[in-house]
């Protein structure tokens, strides 16, 4: 069995050596995980865990939004608007304990995550 310290070191090393594209995918993967766990907790009536997971998801969306460079990519404004919508919906789902609302947001995020994963897997353009 792997010790927690060894697991944390491996995770930290993975993050420190990941490419920017891989880091983005890792954030999206965690976002989807938080959303699924939050939704599941809300469905089970565990508002505390549901709120915790959805708040962490909100923090990830805020981080994703803060890293957008509007000057470099013409699609950044559209993605920023999508992040704002997701954030608003997650806050609403969290306040009301609405697992269905959280599910709908997660289902919107998953294809975006998959697109970033595909883009990160492409060889760098020369």
Protein backbone atom coordinates (compact mmCIF):
# COMPACT_ATOMS: atom_id res chain seq x y z
CA UNK A 1 0.00 0.00 0.00
CA UNK A 2 1.30 3.48 -0.85
CA UNK A 3 1.82 5.89 2.00
CA UNK A 4 -0.02 9.24 1.92
CA UNK A 5 3.33 11.08 1.91
CA UNK A 6 4.54 9.13 -1.13
CA UNK A 7 1.23 9.67 -2.91
CA UNK A 8 1.36 13.42 -2.21
CA UNK A 9 4.94 13.61 -3.47
CA UNK A 10 3.97 11.80 -6.68
CA UNK A 11 1.01 14.14 -7.16
CA UNK A 12 3.14 17.23 -6.53
CA UNK A 13 5.81 15.96 -8.94
CA UNK A 14 3.13 15.25 -11.56
CA UNK A 15 1.80 18.79 -11.27
CA UNK A 16 5.26 20.39 -11.27
CA UNK A 17 6.31 18.61 -14.45
CA UNK A 18 3.03 18.80 -16.37
CA UNK A 19 2.72 20.89 -19.51
CA UNK A 20 0.29 23.83 -19.46
CA UNK A 21 -2.17 21.79 -21.51
CA UNK A 22 -1.94 18.85 -19.15
CA UNK A 23 -2.41 21.16 -16.14
CA UNK A 24 -5.57 22.54 -17.73
CA UNK A 25 -6.91 19.03 -18.26
CA UNK A 26 -6.03 18.14 -14.66
CA UNK A 27 -8.05 21.14 -13.45
CA UNK A 28 -11.02 20.15 -15.60
CA UNK A 29 -10.76 16.55 -14.38
CA UNK A 30 -10.87 17.74 -10.77
CA UNK A 31 -13.73 20.11 -11.60
CA UNK A 32 -15.81 17.24 -13.02
CA UNK A 33 -14.91 15.03 -10.04
CA UNK A 34 -15.97 17.75 -7.58
CA UNK A 35 -19.20 18.26 -9.48
CA UNK A 36 -20.02 14.54 -9.49
CA UNK A 37 -19.22 14.18 -5.80
CA UNK A 38 -21.23 17.29 -4.94
CA UNK A 39 -24.19 16.09 -6.96
CA UNK A 40 -24.03 12.64 -5.36
CA UNK A 41 -23.83 14.12 -1.85
CA UNK A 42 -26.79 16.41 -2.49
CA UNK A 43 -28.85 13.49 -3.80
CA UNK A 44 -27.97 11.58 -0.61
CA UNK A 45 -29.10 14.51 1.53
CA UNK A 46 -25.57 15.43 2.65
CA UNK A 47 -25.70 19.19 2.17
CA UNK A 48 -22.39 19.77 3.97
CA UNK A 49 -20.33 17.55 1.66
CA UNK A 50 -22.32 18.70 -1.36
CA UNK A 51 -21.65 22.34 -0.54
CA UNK A 52 -17.96 21.64 0.08
CA UNK A 53 -17.50 19.90 -3.28
CA UNK A 54 -19.51 22.52 -5.20
CA UNK A 55 -17.56 25.35 -3.55
CA UNK A 56 -14.31 23.69 -4.59
CA UNK A 57 -15.70 23.42 -8.12
CA UNK A 58 -16.51 27.14 -7.99
CA UNK A 59 -12.93 27.89 -6.93
CA UNK A 60 -11.63 25.92 -9.92
CA UNK A 61 -13.89 27.83 -12.30
CA UNK A 62 -12.68 31.12 -10.81
CA UNK A 63 -9.09 29.97 -11.32
CA UNK A 64 -9.79 28.91 -14.91
CA UNK A 65 -11.41 32.29 -15.58
CA UNK A 66 -8.49 34.20 -14.06
CA UNK A 67 -5.99 32.49 -16.35
CA UNK A 68 -7.77 33.43 -19.57
CA UNK A 69 -5.74 35.85 -21.65
CA UNK A 70 -8.23 37.93 -23.63
CA UNK A 71 -5.42 39.40 -25.74
CA UNK A 72 -4.06 36.08 -27.03
CA UNK A 73 -7.11 34.03 -27.98
CA UNK A 74 -10.18 35.32 -29.76
CA UNK A 75 -12.35 32.65 -28.11
CA UNK A 76 -11.42 33.77 -24.59
CA UNK A 77 -14.38 36.13 -24.19
CA UNK A 78 -16.85 33.38 -25.06
CA UNK A 79 -15.18 30.96 -22.66
CA UNK A 80 -15.17 33.65 -19.95
CA UNK A 81 -18.92 34.06 -20.42
CA UNK A 82 -19.38 30.30 -20.15
CA UNK A 83 -17.34 30.25 -16.93
CA UNK A 84 -19.51 33.06 -15.54
CA UNK A 85 -22.66 31.11 -16.38
CA UNK A 86 -21.33 27.89 -14.82
CA UNK A 87 -20.29 29.78 -11.71
CA UNK A 88 -23.70 31.38 -11.36
CA UNK A 89 -25.46 28.04 -11.80
CA UNK A 90 -23.17 26.32 -9.28
CA UNK A 91 -23.78 29.02 -6.72
CA UNK A 92 -27.51 28.59 -7.27
CA UNK A 93 -27.26 24.80 -7.01
CA UNK A 94 -25.27 25.15 -3.83
CA UNK A 95 -27.63 27.65 -2.20
CA UNK A 96 -30.70 25.58 -2.99
CA UNK A 97 -29.12 22.13 -2.65
CA UNK A 98 -30.26 21.34 -6.19
CA UNK A 99 -28.44 18.21 -7.41
CA UNK A 100 -30.20 18.35 -10.77
CA UNK A 101 -28.91 21.86 -11.43
CA UNK A 102 -25.40 20.69 -10.57
CA UNK A 103 -25.81 17.73 -12.94
CA UNK A 104 -26.81 19.99 -15.81
CA UNK A 105 -23.69 22.11 -15.30
CA UNK A 106 -21.47 19.02 -15.06
CA UNK A 107 -22.92 17.73 -18.32
CA UNK A 108 -21.98 21.03 -19.98
CA UNK A 109 -18.46 20.97 -18.55
CA UNK A 110 -17.60 17.39 -19.56
CA UNK A 111 -17.48 17.97 -23.35
CA UNK A 112 -15.39 21.11 -22.84
CA UNK A 113 -12.99 19.09 -20.69
CA UNK A 114 -12.87 16.38 -23.35
CA UNK A 115 -12.08 18.96 -26.04
CA UNK A 116 -9.22 20.38 -23.96
CA UNK A 117 -7.94 16.83 -23.37
CA UNK A 118 -7.95 16.18 -27.10
CA UNK A 119 -6.22 19.48 -27.82
CA UNK A 120 -3.56 18.80 -25.17
CA UNK A 121 -2.84 15.41 -26.73
CA UNK A 122 -2.08 16.94 -30.13
CA UNK A 123 1.56 17.45 -31.03
CA UNK A 124 2.73 21.06 -30.73
CA UNK A 125 2.46 23.08 -33.92
CA UNK A 126 5.75 24.23 -35.40
